[in-house]
Amino acid sequence: MRRVVYPGTFDPVTNGHTDLILRAARLFDRVIVAVAVDTGKSPLFSTEERVHLIGAALGPRENVEIIPFQGLLVDFTRQLGVSVIMRGLRAVSDFEYEFQLAGMNRRMAPDIETLFLTPAETYSYISSSLVREIARLGGDISTFVAPAVQAALKERFG
């Protein structure tokens, strides 16, 4: 069975994220969306809320599993018996960080490969931080996130 881990904070999940998940679901038998608990950031939504919002944004998918994880991604990936990590690249600005991260992961776990996918051009400019900022300022985020995510952000920011 071909499986892939797609890690992230998903705070909140955007249409760019869901685009990548759905495209990966066509390439792999199983996509494990790994929601980071130890983010080094102060997430707007709890881990449980982020897991729930991803599920709400995707709807029922037989070959997609959404689970939280703690610790090193390579350790989590190995525990699952998965050998591929998927990362999204929106723009050239993402490349340097993602390249460095992939190199560190390869150094720690040479048996695990990193695969990069780019979202559809429609979503290449969307980021969770920009969505949060627009929502906080009362802007329209309906084209950037699923309705459930839009409602959760509206509830959070009023």
C-alpha atoms as a PDB file:
ATOM      1  CA  MET A   1       0.000   0.000   0.000  1.00  0.00           C
ATOM      2  CA  ARG A   2       1.407   3.387  -1.010  1.00  0.00           C
ATOM      3  CA  ARG A   3       1.032   5.809   1.901  1.00  0.00           C
ATOM      4  CA  VAL A   4       2.123   9.379   2.480  1.00  0.00           C
ATOM      5  CA  VAL A   5       2.230  11.670   5.513  1.00  0.00           C
ATOM      6  CA  TYR A   6       1.236  15.304   4.952  1.00  0.00           C
ATOM      7  CA  PRO A   7       2.255  17.253   8.082  1.00  0.00           C
ATOM      8  CA  GLY A   8       1.374  20.773   9.099  1.00  0.00           C
ATOM      9  CA  THR A   9      -0.188  23.017  11.680  1.00  0.00           C
ATOM     10  CA  PHE A  10      -3.254  23.697   9.505  1.00  0.00           C
ATOM     11  CA  ASP A  11      -4.202  26.728  11.601  1.00  0.00           C
ATOM     12  CA  PRO A  12      -6.593  26.949   9.860  1.00  0.00           C
ATOM     13  CA  VAL A  13      -6.788  24.520   6.975  1.00  0.00           C
ATOM     14  CA  THR A  14      -7.108  26.425   3.684  1.00  0.00           C
ATOM     15  CA  ASN A  15      -8.317  25.537   0.206  1.00  0.00           C
ATOM     16  CA  GLY A  16      -4.642  25.232  -0.736  1.00  0.00           C
ATOM     17  CA  HIS A  17      -4.187  22.504   1.869  1.00  0.00           C
ATOM     18  CA  THR A  18      -7.317  20.657   0.784  1.00  0.00           C
ATOM     19  CA  ASP A  19      -6.224  20.873  -2.849  1.00  0.00           C
ATOM     20  CA  LEU A  20      -2.944  19.159  -1.965  1.00  0.00           C
ATOM     21  CA  ILE A  21      -4.658  16.515   0.178  1.00  0.00           C
ATOM     22  CA  LEU A  22      -7.142  15.632  -2.560  1.00  0.00           C
ATOM     23  CA  ARG A  23      -4.427  15.482  -5.208  1.00  0.00           C
ATOM     24  CA  ALA A  24      -2.283  13.272  -2.958  1.00  0.00           C
ATOM     25  CA  ALA A  25      -5.321  11.023  -2.419  1.00  0.00           C
ATOM     26  CA  ARG A  26      -5.280  10.313  -6.166  1.00  0.00           C
ATOM     27  CA  LEU A  27      -1.561   9.454  -6.077  1.00  0.00           C
ATOM     28  CA  PHE A  28      -1.475   7.371  -2.893  1.00  0.00           C
ATOM     29  CA  ASP A  29      -3.613   4.608  -1.447  1.00  0.00           C
ATOM     30  CA  ARG A  30      -3.636   6.400   1.929  1.00  0.00           C
ATOM     31  CA  VAL A  31      -2.958  10.001   2.919  1.00  0.00           C
ATOM     32  CA  ILE A  32      -2.236  10.642   6.575  1.00  0.00           C
ATOM     33  CA  VAL A  33      -2.795  14.300   7.414  1.00  0.00           C
ATOM     34  CA  ALA A  34      -0.567  14.813  10.445  1.00  0.00           C
ATOM     35  CA  VAL A  35      -1.622  17.773  12.583  1.00  0.00           C
ATOM     36  CA  ALA A  36       1.323  19.089  14.595  1.00  0.00           C
ATOM     37  CA  VAL A  37       0.742  19.492  18.320  1.00  0.00           C
ATOM     38  CA  ASP A  38       4.209  20.926  19.075  1.00  0.00           C
ATOM     39  CA  THR A  39       4.177  23.804  16.636  1.00  0.00           C
ATOM     40  CA  GLY A  40       6.527  26.273  18.280  1.00  0.00           C
ATOM     41  CA  LYS A  41       3.741  28.738  17.522  1.00  0.00           C
ATOM     42  CA  SER A  42       0.640  29.825  19.405  1.00  0.00           C
ATOM     43  CA  PRO A  43      -2.130  28.317  17.289  1.00  0.00           C
ATOM     44  CA  LEU A  44      -5.489  30.047  17.061  1.00  0.00           C
ATOM     45  CA  PHE A  45      -7.298  26.692  17.153  1.00  0.00           C
ATOM     46  CA  SER A  46      -6.616  23.750  19.448  1.00  0.00           C
ATOM     47  CA  THR A  47      -5.272  20.527  17.985  1.00  0.00           C
ATOM     48  CA  GLU A  48      -8.710  18.927  18.270  1.00  0.00           C
ATOM     49  CA  GLU A  49     -10.363  21.875  16.530  1.00  0.00           C
ATOM     50  CA  ARG A  50      -7.810  21.748  13.697  1.00  0.00           C
ATOM     51  CA  VAL A  51      -8.380  18.002  13.220  1.00  0.00           C
ATOM     52  CA  HIS A  52     -12.146  18.607  13.166  1.00  0.00           C
ATOM     53  CA  LEU A  53     -11.901  21.520  10.698  1.00  0.00           C
ATOM     54  CA  ILE A  54      -9.772  19.492   8.289  1.00  0.00           C
ATOM     55  CA  GLY A  55     -12.376  16.737   8.355  1.00  0.00           C
ATOM     56  CA  ALA A  56     -15.167  19.260   7.812  1.00  0.00           C
ATOM     57  CA  ALA A  57     -13.300  20.879   4.918  1.00  0.00           C
ATOM     58  CA  LEU A  58     -12.590  17.560   3.194  1.00  0.00           C
ATOM     59  CA  GLY A  59     -15.816  15.716   3.877  1.00  0.00           C
ATOM     60  CA  PRO A  60     -15.776  11.921   4.059  1.00  0.00           C
ATOM     61  CA  ARG A  61     -12.737  10.445   2.302  1.00  0.00           C
ATOM     62  CA  GLU A  62     -12.026   6.730   2.481  1.00  0.00           C
ATOM     63  CA  ASN A  63      -8.299   7.030   1.949  1.00  0.00           C
ATOM     64  CA  VAL A  64      -7.589  10.116   4.098  1.00  0.00           C
ATOM     65  CA  GLU A  65      -6.877   9.887   7.813  1.00  0.00           C
ATOM     66  CA  ILE A  66      -6.407  12.954  10.028  1.00  0.00           C
ATOM     67  CA  ILE A  67      -4.397  12.472  13.205  1.00  0.00           C
ATOM     68  CA  PRO A  68      -2.428  14.685  15.575  1.00  0.00           C
ATOM     69  CA  PHE A  69       1.257  14.033  16.218  1.00  0.00           C
ATOM     70  CA  GLN A  70       3.914  15.167  18.669  1.00  0.00           C
ATOM     71  CA  GLY A  71       7.667  15.107  18.444  1.00  0.00           C
ATOM     72  CA  LEU A  72       9.855  14.643  15.422  1.00  0.00           C
ATOM     73  CA  LEU A  73       8.047  14.111  12.146  1.00  0.00           C
ATOM     74  CA  VAL A  74      10.516  11.430  11.015  1.00  0.00           C
ATOM     75  CA  ASP A  75       9.881   9.438  14.224  1.00  0.00           C
ATOM     76  CA  PHE A  76       6.115   9.714  13.730  1.00  0.00           C
ATOM     77  CA  THR A  77       6.436   8.706  10.065  1.00  0.00           C
ATOM     78  CA  ARG A  78       8.564   5.682  10.982  1.00  0.00           C
ATOM     79  CA  GLN A  79       6.103   4.620  13.712  1.00  0.00           C
ATOM     80  CA  LEU A  80       3.409   4.500  11.042  1.00  0.00           C
ATOM     81  CA  GLY A  81       5.631   2.497   8.704  1.00  0.00           C
ATOM     82  CA  VAL A  82       5.414   5.227   6.047  1.00  0.00           C
ATOM     83  CA  SER A  83       8.386   6.165   3.870  1.00  0.00           C
ATOM     84  CA  VAL A  84       7.147   9.350   2.153  1.00  0.00           C
ATOM     85  CA  ILE A  85       6.516  12.815   3.574  1.00  0.00           C
ATOM     86  CA  MET A  86       4.629  15.262   1.382  1.00  0.00           C
ATOM     87  CA  ARG A  87       5.177  19.006   1.637  1.00  0.00           C
ATOM     88  CA  GLY A  88       3.491  21.819  -0.244  1.00  0.00           C
ATOM     89  CA  LEU A  89       5.366  24.543  -2.090  1.00  0.00           C
ATOM     90  CA  ARG A  90       3.409  27.699  -2.873  1.00  0.00           C
ATOM     91  CA  ALA A  91       6.157  29.934  -4.151  1.00  0.00           C
ATOM     92  CA  VAL A  92       9.904  30.214  -4.521  1.00  0.00           C
ATOM     93  CA  SER A  93       9.972  31.781  -1.051  1.00  0.00           C
ATOM     94  CA  ASP A  94       8.839  28.432   0.438  1.00  0.00           C
ATOM     95  CA  PHE A  95      11.560  26.489  -1.330  1.00  0.00           C
ATOM     96  CA  GLU A  96      14.575  27.440   0.804  1.00  0.00           C
ATOM     97  CA  TYR A  97      12.893  26.530   4.093  1.00  0.00           C
ATOM     98  CA  GLU A  98      11.361  23.338   2.709  1.00  0.00           C
ATOM     99  CA  PHE A  99      14.654  22.304   1.094  1.00  0.00           C
ATOM    100  CA  GLN A 100      16.446  22.785   4.421  1.00  0.00           C
ATOM    101  CA  LEU A 101      13.750  20.836   6.276  1.00  0.00           C
ATOM    102  CA  ALA A 102      13.887  17.979   3.762  1.00  0.00           C
ATOM    103  CA  GLY A 103      17.669  17.854   4.109  1.00  0.00           C
ATOM    104  CA  MET A 104      17.474  17.648   7.903  1.00  0.00           C
ATOM    105  CA  ASN A 105      14.819  14.932   7.697  1.00  0.00           C
ATOM    106  CA  ARG A 106      16.945  12.989   5.212  1.00  0.00           C
ATOM    107  CA  ARG A 107      19.944  13.254   7.532  1.00  0.00           C
ATOM    108  CA  MET A 108      17.923  11.891  10.464  1.00  0.00           C
ATOM    109  CA  ALA A 109      15.996   9.321   8.408  1.00  0.00           C
ATOM    110  CA  PRO A 110      17.627   8.437   5.076  1.00  0.00           C
ATOM    111  CA  ASP A 111      14.916   5.808   4.513  1.00  0.00           C
ATOM    112  CA  ILE A 112      12.191   8.487   4.327  1.00  0.00           C
ATOM    113  CA  GLU A 113      11.721  10.531   1.158  1.00  0.00           C
ATOM    114  CA  THR A 114      10.237  14.017   0.882  1.00  0.00           C
ATOM    115  CA  LEU A 115       7.872  14.717  -1.990  1.00  0.00           C
ATOM    116  CA  PHE A 116       6.956  18.280  -2.952  1.00  0.00           C
ATOM    117  CA  LEU A 117       3.623  19.196  -4.536  1.00  0.00           C
ATOM    118  CA  THR A 118       2.482  22.617  -5.609  1.00  0.00           C
ATOM    119  CA  PRO A 119      -1.136  23.646  -5.180  1.00  0.00           C
ATOM    120  CA  ALA A 120      -3.267  24.690  -8.119  1.00  0.00           C
ATOM    121  CA  GLU A 121      -2.393  28.213  -9.248  1.00  0.00           C
ATOM    122  CA  THR A 122      -5.715  29.416  -7.828  1.00  0.00           C
ATOM    123  CA  TYR A 123      -4.433  28.643  -4.323  1.00  0.00           C
ATOM    124  CA  SER A 124      -0.724  29.392  -4.635  1.00  0.00           C
ATOM    125  CA  TYR A 125      -0.952  32.698  -2.745  1.00  0.00           C
ATOM    126  CA  ILE A 126      -3.100  31.466   0.169  1.00  0.00           C
ATOM    127  CA  SER A 127      -1.522  31.006   3.595  1.00  0.00           C
ATOM    128  CA  SER A 128      -3.092  30.257   6.952  1.00  0.00           C
ATOM    129  CA  SER A 129      -1.519  33.348   8.500  1.00  0.00           C
ATOM    130  CA  LEU A 130      -2.972  35.630   5.814  1.00  0.00           C
ATOM    131  CA  VAL A 131      -6.388  33.990   6.167  1.00  0.00           C
ATOM    132  CA  ARG A 132      -6.288  34.529   9.941  1.00  0.00           C
ATOM    133  CA  GLU A 133      -5.343  38.178   9.482  1.00  0.00           C
ATOM    134  CA  ILE A 134      -8.066  38.861   6.910  1.00  0.00           C
ATOM    135  CA  ALA A 135     -10.637  37.138   9.146  1.00  0.00           C
ATOM    136  CA  ARG A 136      -9.456  39.078  12.205  1.00  0.00           C
ATOM    137  CA  LEU A 137      -9.969  42.324  10.300  1.00  0.00           C
ATOM    138  CA  GLY A 138     -13.450  41.300   9.151  1.00  0.00           C
ATOM    139  CA  GLY A 139     -12.592  40.587   5.503  1.00  0.00           C
ATOM    140  CA  ASP A 140     -14.209  38.028   3.208  1.00  0.00           C
ATOM    141  CA  ILE A 141     -12.322  34.726   3.344  1.00  0.00           C
ATOM    142  CA  SER A 142     -14.953  32.633   1.568  1.00  0.00           C
ATOM    143  CA  THR A 143     -12.735  31.926  -1.453  1.00  0.00           C
ATOM    144  CA  PHE A 144      -9.788  30.851   0.726  1.00  0.00           C
ATOM    145  CA  VAL A 145     -11.363  28.324   3.116  1.00  0.00           C
ATOM    146  CA  ALA A 146     -14.235  25.858   3.402  1.00  0.00           C
ATOM    147  CA  PRO A 147     -17.526  27.110   4.895  1.00  0.00           C
ATOM    148  CA  ALA A 148     -16.898  25.299   8.214  1.00  0.00           C
ATOM    149  CA  VAL A 149     -13.535  27.010   8.567  1.00  0.00           C
ATOM    150  CA  GLN A 150     -15.043  30.373   7.669  1.00  0.00           C
ATOM    151  CA  ALA A 151     -17.707  29.880  10.358  1.00  0.00           C
ATOM    152  CA  ALA A 152     -15.095  28.858  12.964  1.00  0.00           C
ATOM    153  CA  LEU A 153     -13.001  31.944  12.201  1.00  0.00           C
ATOM    154  CA  LYS A 154     -16.063  34.191  12.362  1.00  0.00           C
ATOM    155  CA  GLU A 155     -16.977  32.703  15.723  1.00  0.00           C
ATOM    156  CA  ARG A 156     -13.420  33.159  16.985  1.00  0.00           C
ATOM    157  CA  PHE A 157     -13.058  36.765  15.860  1.00  0.00           C
ATOM    158  CA  GLY A 158     -16.697  37.851  16.171  1.00  0.00           C
END
